[in-house]
């Protein structure tokens, strides 16, 4: 069995999970703080 297929699929699952977790964290922070701006998504301005 070729292990590269297993590794490729594993990495794909890890990346998918990271994206899901990031979205979930942003949603929870949004729900607790009440504004999307408070989540740190301020565009090009960065942190001020």
C-alpha atoms as a PDB file:
ATOM      1  CA  UNK A   1       0.000   0.000   0.000  1.00  0.00           C
ATOM      2  CA  UNK A   2       1.284   3.448  -0.905  1.00  0.00           C
ATOM      3  CA  UNK A   3       1.599   5.568   2.228  1.00  0.00           C
ATOM      4  CA  UNK A   4       1.524   8.855   0.311  1.00  0.00           C
ATOM      5  CA  UNK A   5      -2.218   8.453  -0.282  1.00  0.00           C
ATOM      6  CA  UNK A   6      -2.800   8.022   3.443  1.00  0.00           C
ATOM      7  CA  UNK A   7      -0.631  11.037   4.272  1.00  0.00           C
ATOM      8  CA  UNK A   8      -2.314  13.205   1.628  1.00  0.00           C
ATOM      9  CA  UNK A   9      -5.788  12.357   2.895  1.00  0.00           C
ATOM     10  CA  UNK A  10      -4.705  12.899   6.495  1.00  0.00           C
ATOM     11  CA  UNK A  11      -3.337  16.351   5.700  1.00  0.00           C
ATOM     12  CA  UNK A  12      -6.498  17.226   3.806  1.00  0.00           C
ATOM     13  CA  UNK A  13      -8.588  16.252   6.837  1.00  0.00           C
ATOM     14  CA  UNK A  14      -6.367  18.282   9.164  1.00  0.00           C
ATOM     15  CA  UNK A  15      -6.717  21.379   6.989  1.00  0.00           C
ATOM     16  CA  UNK A  16     -10.474  20.889   6.756  1.00  0.00           C
ATOM     17  CA  UNK A  17     -10.693  20.576  10.536  1.00  0.00           C
ATOM     18  CA  UNK A  18      -8.596  23.728  11.047  1.00  0.00           C
ATOM     19  CA  UNK A  19     -10.914  25.736   8.797  1.00  0.00           C
ATOM     20  CA  UNK A  20     -13.973  24.406  10.625  1.00  0.00           C
ATOM     21  CA  UNK A  21     -12.461  25.255  14.012  1.00  0.00           C
ATOM     22  CA  UNK A  22     -11.518  28.766  12.874  1.00  0.00           C
ATOM     23  CA  UNK A  23     -15.059  29.425  11.665  1.00  0.00           C
ATOM     24  CA  UNK A  24     -16.519  28.027  14.874  1.00  0.00           C
ATOM     25  CA  UNK A  25     -14.236  30.179  17.037  1.00  0.00           C
ATOM     26  CA  UNK A  26     -15.157  33.301  15.062  1.00  0.00           C
ATOM     27  CA  UNK A  27     -18.845  32.450  15.433  1.00  0.00           C
ATOM     28  CA  UNK A  28     -18.557  31.965  19.202  1.00  0.00           C
ATOM     29  CA  UNK A  29     -16.581  35.189  19.648  1.00  0.00           C
ATOM     30  CA  UNK A  30     -19.143  37.012  17.517  1.00  0.00           C
ATOM     31  CA  UNK A  31     -22.004  35.647  19.600  1.00  0.00           C
ATOM     32  CA  UNK A  32     -20.352  36.647  22.879  1.00  0.00           C
ATOM     33  CA  UNK A  33     -19.122  40.090  21.829  1.00  0.00           C
ATOM     34  CA  UNK A  34     -22.095  40.993  19.667  1.00  0.00           C
ATOM     35  CA  UNK A  35     -20.219  42.590  16.799  1.00  0.00           C
ATOM     36  CA  UNK A  36     -18.138  41.199  13.998  1.00  0.00           C
ATOM     37  CA  UNK A  37     -15.733  44.119  14.380  1.00  0.00           C
ATOM     38  CA  UNK A  38     -14.873  42.992  17.904  1.00  0.00           C
ATOM     39  CA  UNK A  39     -13.608  39.652  16.621  1.00  0.00           C
ATOM     40  CA  UNK A  40     -10.463  41.311  15.280  1.00  0.00           C
ATOM     41  CA  UNK A  41     -11.514  41.404  11.634  1.00  0.00           C
ATOM     42  CA  UNK A  42     -10.628  45.026  10.982  1.00  0.00           C
ATOM     43  CA  UNK A  43      -9.448  44.822   7.392  1.00  0.00           C
ATOM     44  CA  UNK A  44      -6.252  46.518   6.264  1.00  0.00           C
ATOM     45  CA  UNK A  45      -5.991  48.706   9.342  1.00  0.00           C
ATOM     46  CA  UNK A  46      -4.691  45.887  11.506  1.00  0.00           C
ATOM     47  CA  UNK A  47      -4.794  46.045  15.280  1.00  0.00           C
ATOM     48  CA  UNK A  48      -5.202  49.516  16.696  1.00  0.00           C
END
